[in-house]
C-alpha cells in the first residue's frame, strides 16, 4: 500500500504524479498487491484455493482433536469408563504414543469405537455450545444463527482484510490532505494577526506621538502671540523686558532643542516602524520622557502667565 503524497509534490513534479497514478491504477491493487497477468492470476488463485482448503481441513482436525481432549472435563454426562479411553485415543491421534505400543491399546480403541455414537453426541453438544458463544461474540446485540455463522465469519474476514484497509487508506489520504490545508490556513491566519497587531499598535503610537508634538508646537506659537499682544498693550518695566528677553532666548533654545528631539524622534519612529514590535518598550520609555518635558514646559508657561 503506497503512502499518501502531498498534493504540492504532484504540482512541483508532474512526472512523479504520472508515475504514482500509473502505479496505483495499473500496477498495484488497493491492498498493495501486484496486478499480475490473467494466466498467472489464475494459477495463483488455484494455489491459493488449494492452500485454503488444506488450512480448513487442518483446522478442522485440530479443532476436533482439542475438543476431544477436553471432552472428559466438559461433558458431565459421559460415563467415567470413557474418560480414560478418550484420553488414550486422543494421545494416539496426537502422535504421543509410539507405533510399537499401539497393539497394547487395541482393546481401549475397540471400546472407544463401540461407544462412538455416545461420544459423538457429547462432542456435538459441546461444539454447539462453543458455536453459540462464537455467535454471541460476532454480534452481541443480534447473534446470528449457527448455520449462518460461516457466512458471517467470511463477511467479517473480508471486511477486516479487504474493505476496511482500503477505506482506511482512502480516509488516511483525505485526512492528510485536510491536515495540510488546516496547517496552511493556520499559517495564513497567524500572518494576518501579526500584520494587524503591528499596524494597529505601532501605527497608533507613532500617530499619537506626532499629534502630541504638533500640539506642543501650536501651544508654543499661541503663547508667543499672547506675549506679543500683552507687550504691545501693556508696556512692561525695563527689568521685566530684560528678563523677558532672556526667557525668550531660553524658550528659543528650548524650541530648537525640542525640534531637534522631534527630528530624532521621527527618525526613531521610522526605525521602529521598520523594526516592528520589538522596540515597544523603548517607545514607552521615550514617551514618559516627553511627558515630563511637556509638563515642565507647561509649568514655565503657567509661571509666565502668572507674572512670576
Protein backbone atom coordinates (compact mmCIF):
# COMPACT_ATOMS: atom_id res chain seq x y z
CA UNK A 1 0.00 0.00 0.00
CA UNK A 2 1.54 3.28 -1.15
CA UNK A 3 1.78 6.09 1.42
CA UNK A 4 -0.20 9.33 0.88
CA UNK A 5 1.59 12.05 -1.07
CA UNK A 6 1.32 15.79 -0.52
CA UNK A 7 -0.59 17.43 -3.44
CA UNK A 8 2.11 20.14 -3.58
CA UNK A 9 4.62 17.41 -4.51
CA UNK A 10 2.49 16.45 -7.52
CA UNK A 11 2.29 20.12 -8.59
CA UNK A 12 6.07 20.57 -8.40
CA UNK A 13 6.85 17.17 -10.00
CA UNK A 14 4.31 16.33 -12.76
CA UNK A 15 6.36 13.32 -13.89
CA UNK A 16 6.24 11.82 -10.42
CA UNK A 17 2.47 12.38 -10.34
CA UNK A 18 2.08 10.40 -13.59
CA UNK A 19 4.25 7.57 -12.21
CA UNK A 20 2.27 7.50 -8.94
CA UNK A 21 -1.05 7.36 -10.82
CA UNK A 22 0.25 4.55 -13.06
CA UNK A 23 1.36 2.51 -10.04
CA UNK A 24 -1.98 3.00 -8.28
CA UNK A 25 -4.16 2.19 -11.30
CA UNK A 26 -2.21 -0.35 -13.38
CA UNK A 27 0.50 -1.97 -11.28
CA UNK A 28 -0.86 -2.30 -7.72
CA UNK A 29 -4.19 -3.20 -6.09
CA UNK A 30 -5.75 -1.28 -3.19
CA UNK A 31 -4.26 -3.75 -0.69
CA UNK A 32 -0.74 -3.19 -2.10
CA UNK A 33 -0.57 -6.48 -4.02
CA UNK A 34 0.67 -6.60 -7.63
CA UNK A 35 -1.71 -6.88 -10.58
CA UNK A 36 -0.44 -10.00 -12.36
CA UNK A 37 -1.37 -11.22 -15.80
CA UNK A 38 -4.59 -13.20 -16.17
CA UNK A 39 -2.86 -16.59 -16.63
CA UNK A 40 -0.57 -16.07 -13.67
CA UNK A 41 -3.50 -14.78 -11.68
CA UNK A 42 -5.47 -17.98 -12.36
CA UNK A 43 -2.52 -20.14 -11.32
CA UNK A 44 -2.09 -18.16 -8.14
CA UNK A 45 -5.80 -18.32 -7.44
CA UNK A 46 -5.76 -22.13 -7.83
CA UNK A 47 -2.79 -22.41 -5.47
CA UNK A 48 -4.48 -20.05 -3.03
CA UNK A 49 -7.70 -22.08 -3.12
CA UNK A 50 -5.89 -25.40 -2.55
CA UNK A 51 -3.90 -23.88 0.29
CA UNK A 52 -7.11 -22.55 1.81
CA UNK A 53 -8.76 -25.99 1.62
CA UNK A 54 -5.75 -27.62 3.27
CA UNK A 55 -5.78 -25.00 6.00
CA UNK A 56 -9.50 -25.60 6.59
CA UNK A 57 -9.01 -29.37 6.80
CA UNK A 58 -6.09 -28.97 9.15
CA UNK A 59 -8.08 -26.54 11.31
CA UNK A 60 -10.99 -29.00 11.49
CA UNK A 61 -8.67 -31.80 12.57
CA UNK A 62 -7.05 -29.63 15.24
CA UNK A 63 -10.46 -28.42 16.45
CA UNK A 64 -11.84 -31.98 16.76
CA UNK A 65 -8.68 -33.18 18.48
CA UNK A 66 -8.66 -30.32 21.01
CA UNK A 67 -12.38 -30.70 21.65
CA UNK A 68 -12.00 -34.46 22.12
CA UNK A 69 -9.14 -33.97 24.57
CA UNK A 70 -11.25 -31.50 26.62
CA UNK A 71 -14.43 -33.57 26.38
CA UNK A 72 -13.98 -35.58 29.62
CA UNK A 73 -13.76 -32.34 31.66
CA UNK A 74 -16.51 -30.51 29.75
CA UNK A 75 -19.18 -33.16 29.22
CA UNK A 76 -20.71 -34.19 32.54
CA UNK A 77 -22.96 -36.95 31.10
CA UNK A 78 -20.10 -39.15 29.89
CA UNK A 79 -19.52 -42.36 31.88
CA UNK A 80 -16.32 -42.45 33.86
CA UNK A 81 -15.07 -45.53 31.99
CA UNK A 82 -14.96 -43.46 28.78
CA UNK A 83 -12.78 -40.70 30.21
CA UNK A 84 -9.58 -42.71 30.23
CA UNK A 85 -10.36 -44.27 26.87
CA UNK A 86 -10.86 -40.83 25.28
CA UNK A 87 -7.57 -39.63 26.72
CA UNK A 88 -5.73 -42.66 25.34
CA UNK A 89 -7.26 -42.29 21.86
CA UNK A 90 -6.50 -38.55 21.89
CA UNK A 91 -2.86 -39.22 22.77
CA UNK A 92 -2.66 -41.81 19.99
CA UNK A 93 -4.15 -39.41 17.42
CA UNK A 94 -1.74 -36.71 18.54
CA UNK A 95 1.25 -38.99 17.92
CA UNK A 96 2.23 -39.14 21.57
CA UNK A 97 2.16 -42.98 21.62
CA UNK A 98 4.81 -44.88 19.59
CA UNK A 99 3.68 -47.30 16.89
CA UNK A 100 5.07 -50.35 18.69
CA UNK A 101 2.82 -49.65 21.71
CA UNK A 102 -0.45 -49.31 19.77
CA UNK A 103 -1.09 -53.07 19.78
CA UNK A 104 -1.28 -52.97 23.59
CA UNK A 105 -4.01 -50.31 23.41
CA UNK A 106 -6.14 -52.16 20.83
CA UNK A 107 -8.71 -53.09 23.47
CA UNK A 108 -9.14 -49.45 24.52
CA UNK A 109 -9.54 -48.38 20.89
CA UNK A 110 -12.18 -51.06 20.29
CA UNK A 111 -14.05 -49.94 23.42
CA UNK A 112 -13.89 -46.34 22.11
CA UNK A 113 -15.35 -47.43 18.77
CA UNK A 114 -18.17 -49.35 20.49
CA UNK A 115 -19.33 -46.15 22.22
CA UNK A 116 -18.56 -43.83 19.34
CA UNK A 117 -22.20 -42.72 18.96
CA UNK A 118 -22.44 -41.60 22.58
CA UNK A 119 -19.07 -39.82 22.30
CA UNK A 120 -20.15 -38.13 19.05
CA UNK A 121 -23.35 -36.86 20.69
CA UNK A 122 -21.40 -35.37 23.60
CA UNK A 123 -18.88 -33.90 21.19
CA UNK A 124 -21.64 -32.37 19.07
CA UNK A 125 -23.31 -30.83 22.12
CA UNK A 126 -20.02 -29.32 23.25
CA UNK A 127 -19.29 -27.89 19.78
CA UNK A 128 -22.82 -26.45 19.66
CA UNK A 129 -22.17 -24.60 22.93
CA UNK A 130 -18.87 -23.24 21.56
CA UNK A 131 -20.58 -22.17 18.32
CA UNK A 132 -23.29 -20.32 20.26
CA UNK A 133 -20.59 -18.44 22.18
CA UNK A 134 -18.88 -17.51 18.90
CA UNK A 135 -22.21 -16.22 17.52
CA UNK A 136 -22.58 -14.01 20.58
CA UNK A 137 -19.05 -12.68 20.12
CA UNK A 138 -19.67 -11.98 16.41
CA UNK A 139 -22.75 -9.86 17.16
CA UNK A 140 -23.61 -9.36 20.84
CA UNK A 141 -26.80 -7.41 20.10
CA UNK A 142 -28.19 -9.71 17.40
CA UNK A 143 -26.31 -13.06 17.39
CA UNK A 144 -26.54 -14.91 14.05
CA UNK A 145 -27.74 -18.46 13.81
CA UNK A 146 -25.25 -21.31 13.85
CA UNK A 147 -25.89 -22.33 10.17
CA UNK A 148 -25.17 -18.75 9.04
CA UNK A 149 -22.05 -18.42 11.21
CA UNK A 150 -19.77 -19.44 8.34
CA UNK A 151 -21.05 -16.71 6.01
CA UNK A 152 -20.95 -14.18 8.85
CA UNK A 153 -17.33 -15.08 9.62
CA UNK A 154 -16.42 -14.81 5.92
CA UNK A 155 -18.06 -11.38 5.75
CA UNK A 156 -16.19 -10.21 8.86
CA UNK A 157 -12.91 -11.56 7.50
CA UNK A 158 -13.40 -9.83 4.14
CA UNK A 159 -14.31 -6.59 5.88
CA UNK A 160 -11.25 -6.81 8.15
CA UNK A 161 -8.74 -7.78 5.44
CA UNK A 162 -10.00 -6.02 2.29
CA UNK A 163 -12.76 -3.46 2.75
CA UNK A 164 -11.55 -1.81 5.95
CA UNK A 165 -7.86 -1.41 4.91
CA UNK A 166 -8.90 0.11 1.59
CA UNK A 167 -11.33 2.52 3.22
CA UNK A 168 -8.80 3.33 5.94
CA UNK A 169 -6.17 4.09 3.29
CA UNK A 170 -8.52 6.47 1.45
CA UNK A 171 -9.55 8.14 4.70
CA UNK A 172 -5.89 8.45 5.74
CA UNK A 173 -5.05 10.20 2.47
CA UNK A 174 -8.03 12.53 2.84
CA UNK A 175 -7.11 13.23 6.47
CA UNK A 176 -3.51 14.01 5.49
CA UNK A 177 -4.68 16.47 2.82
CA UNK A 178 -7.11 18.05 5.28
CA UNK A 179 -4.34 18.41 7.88
CA UNK A 180 -2.16 20.14 5.26
CA UNK A 181 -5.00 22.55 4.42
CA UNK A 182 -5.65 23.28 8.10
CA UNK A 183 -1.96 23.99 8.77
CA UNK A 184 -1.81 26.24 5.71
CA UNK A 185 -4.87 28.19 6.88
CA UNK A 186 -3.39 28.42 10.38
CA UNK A 187 -0.21 29.93 8.92
CA UNK A 188 -2.20 32.49 6.92
CA UNK A 189 -4.27 33.44 9.98
CA UNK A 190 -1.11 33.86 12.09
CA UNK A 191 0.48 36.10 9.44
CA UNK A 192 -2.69 38.21 9.22
CA UNK A 193 -2.90 38.58 13.01
CA UNK A 194 0.75 39.64 13.24
CA UNK A 195 0.26 42.19 10.45
CA UNK A 196 -2.85 43.65 12.11
CA UNK A 197 -1.15 43.90 15.51
CA UNK A 198 1.89 45.62 14.06
CA UNK A 199 -0.19 48.08 12.02
CA UNK A 200 -2.56 48.96 14.88
CA UNK A 201 -0.20 49.10 17.86
CA UNK A 202 2.95 50.57 16.29
CA UNK A 203 0.96 52.80 13.94
CA UNK A 204 -1.27 54.22 16.69
CA UNK A 205 1.73 55.02 18.94
CA UNK A 206 3.52 56.80 16.11
CA UNK A 207 0.42 58.84 15.27
CA UNK A 208 -0.10 59.74 18.95
CA UNK A 209 3.49 60.98 19.36
CA UNK A 210 3.22 63.01 16.17
CA UNK A 211 -0.06 64.59 17.34
CA UNK A 212 1.47 65.47 20.73
CA UNK A 213 4.49 67.10 19.03
CA UNK A 214 2.21 69.17 16.78
CA UNK A 215 0.09 70.18 19.78
CA UNK A 216 3.19 71.30 21.64
CA UNK A 217 4.31 73.43 18.67
CA UNK A 218 0.89 75.03 18.34
CA UNK A 219 0.74 75.81 22.04
CA UNK A 220 4.19 77.42 21.90
CA UNK A 221 3.14 79.62 18.97
CA UNK A 222 -0.07 80.59 20.83
CA UNK A 223 1.91 81.59 23.92
CA UNK A 224 4.30 83.63 21.78
CA UNK A 225 1.40 85.54 20.19
CA UNK A 226 -0.22 86.15 23.57
CA UNK A 227 3.02 87.55 24.96
CA UNK A 228 3.42 89.90 22.00
CA UNK A 229 -0.14 91.21 22.40
CA UNK A 230 0.41 91.76 26.12
CA UNK A 231 3.67 93.60 25.44
CA UNK A 232 2.04 95.93 22.92
CA UNK A 233 -0.95 96.75 25.14
CA UNK A 234 0.87 96.87 28.49
CA UNK A 235 4.42 98.20 28.26
CA UNK A 236 6.38 96.29 30.91
CA UNK A 237 9.18 97.73 33.08
CA UNK A 238 12.74 97.69 31.77
CA UNK A 239 13.86 94.98 34.17
CA UNK A 240 10.94 92.83 33.11
CA UNK A 241 11.85 93.35 29.43
CA UNK A 242 15.38 92.28 30.10
CA UNK A 243 14.18 89.21 31.97
CA UNK A 244 11.62 88.50 29.25
CA UNK A 245 14.27 88.71 26.53
CA UNK A 246 16.40 86.29 28.48
CA UNK A 247 13.45 83.99 28.96
CA UNK A 248 12.61 84.32 25.25
CA UNK A 249 16.12 83.31 24.31
CA UNK A 250 15.81 80.38 26.67
CA UNK A 251 12.49 79.43 25.07
CA UNK A 252 14.01 79.69 21.61
CA UNK A 253 16.83 77.45 22.74
CA UNK A 254 14.30 75.04 24.21
CA UNK A 255 12.34 75.20 20.94
CA UNK A 256 15.45 74.34 18.91
CA UNK A 257 16.21 71.50 21.26
CA UNK A 258 12.63 70.25 21.01
CA UNK A 259 12.74 70.48 17.22
CA UNK A 260 15.97 68.53 17.20
CA UNK A 261 14.39 65.97 19.51
CA UNK A 262 11.33 65.91 17.26
CA UNK A 263 13.53 65.21 14.25
CA UNK A 264 15.36 62.47 16.14
CA UNK A 265 12.05 61.11 17.38
CA UNK A 266 10.62 61.00 13.86
CA UNK A 267 13.71 59.14 12.67
CA UNK A 268 13.40 56.76 15.61
CA UNK A 269 9.71 56.23 14.85
CA UNK A 270 10.57 55.40 11.25
CA UNK A 271 13.12 52.89 12.52
CA UNK A 272 10.52 51.48 14.93
CA UNK A 273 8.03 51.04 12.08
CA UNK A 274 10.61 49.07 10.18
CA UNK A 275 11.75 47.09 13.21
CA UNK A 276 8.23 46.05 14.36
CA UNK A 277 7.04 45.33 17.88
CA UNK A 278 10.43 44.52 19.34
CA UNK A 279 11.09 48.14 20.36
CA UNK A 280 7.77 49.00 22.03
CA UNK A 281 9.42 49.16 25.43
CA UNK A 282 11.86 51.75 24.13
CA UNK A 283 8.92 53.78 22.78
CA UNK A 284 7.22 53.66 26.17
CA UNK A 285 10.34 54.99 27.90
CA UNK A 286 10.69 57.81 25.39
CA UNK A 287 7.00 58.66 25.82
CA UNK A 288 7.46 59.02 29.58
CA UNK A 289 10.41 61.34 28.99
CA UNK A 290 8.41 63.53 26.56
CA UNK A 291 5.52 63.74 29.01
CA UNK A 292 7.87 65.03 31.70
CA UNK A 293 9.33 67.57 29.28
CA UNK A 294 5.86 68.79 28.27
CA UNK A 295 4.84 69.14 31.90
CA UNK A 296 7.98 71.17 32.55
CA UNK A 297 7.20 73.49 29.61
CA UNK A 298 3.63 73.91 30.79
CA UNK A 299 4.94 74.82 34.24
CA UNK A 300 7.13 77.52 32.72
CA UNK A 301 4.18 78.81 30.70
CA UNK A 302 1.95 78.98 33.76
CA UNK A 303 4.63 80.87 35.70
CA UNK A 304 4.93 83.30 32.79
CA UNK A 305 1.17 83.88 32.60
CA UNK A 306 1.05 84.39 36.37
CA UNK A 307 3.70 87.14 36.14
CA UNK A 308 6.29 85.31 38.19
